[in-house]
């Protein structure tokens, strides 16, 4: 999700489309929060490990 957020941010900036910029920020923040929770050892989405 972090990579997708960065891609949307760059596309929104290059193409000057504000909705892509906004979606990129939202996806990036959600990705960072989920990454932080997962690396702290908390279960994300009811699972501790993804196989």
Protein backbone atom coordinates (compact mmCIF):
# COMPACT_ATOMS: atom_id res chain seq x y z
CA UNK A 1 0.00 0.00 0.00
CA UNK A 2 2.89 2.32 0.65
CA UNK A 3 4.23 1.84 -2.87
CA UNK A 4 0.75 2.30 -4.36
CA UNK A 5 0.34 5.52 -2.38
CA UNK A 6 3.66 6.83 -3.66
CA UNK A 7 2.72 5.96 -7.24
CA UNK A 8 -0.60 7.76 -6.90
CA UNK A 9 1.13 10.79 -5.38
CA UNK A 10 3.59 11.01 -8.25
CA UNK A 11 0.90 10.49 -10.91
CA UNK A 12 -1.32 13.09 -9.28
CA UNK A 13 1.54 15.57 -9.22
CA UNK A 14 2.73 14.92 -12.78
CA UNK A 15 -0.73 14.80 -14.36
CA UNK A 16 -2.03 17.61 -12.14
CA UNK A 17 -5.06 15.55 -11.03
CA UNK A 18 -6.02 16.48 -7.49
CA UNK A 19 -8.10 13.35 -6.81
CA UNK A 20 -5.06 11.14 -7.45
CA UNK A 21 -3.03 13.32 -5.10
CA UNK A 22 -5.68 12.99 -2.37
CA UNK A 23 -6.06 9.23 -2.84
CA UNK A 24 -2.29 8.85 -2.80
CA UNK A 25 -2.04 10.61 0.55
CA UNK A 26 -4.85 8.51 2.05
CA UNK A 27 -3.43 5.20 0.78
CA UNK A 28 0.06 6.16 1.91
CA UNK A 29 -1.09 7.02 5.45
CA UNK A 30 -3.12 3.81 5.75
CA UNK A 31 -0.16 1.79 4.50
CA UNK A 32 2.21 3.37 7.00
CA UNK A 33 -0.22 2.78 9.88
CA UNK A 34 -0.72 -0.87 8.92
CA UNK A 35 3.03 -1.33 8.52
CA UNK A 36 3.66 0.19 11.97
CA UNK A 37 1.03 -2.03 13.59
CA UNK A 38 2.35 -5.13 11.86
CA UNK A 39 5.96 -4.45 12.77
CA UNK A 40 4.97 -3.83 16.40
CA UNK A 41 3.62 -7.37 16.63
CA UNK A 42 -0.07 -6.51 16.71
CA UNK A 43 -2.49 -8.63 14.77
CA UNK A 44 -3.74 -6.70 11.72
CA UNK A 45 -7.02 -7.90 10.26
CA UNK A 46 -7.30 -10.71 12.79
CA UNK A 47 -4.06 -12.39 11.70
CA UNK A 48 -0.57 -12.23 13.05
CA UNK A 49 1.06 -13.90 10.05
CA UNK A 50 0.22 -13.87 6.36
CA UNK A 51 1.11 -17.06 4.53
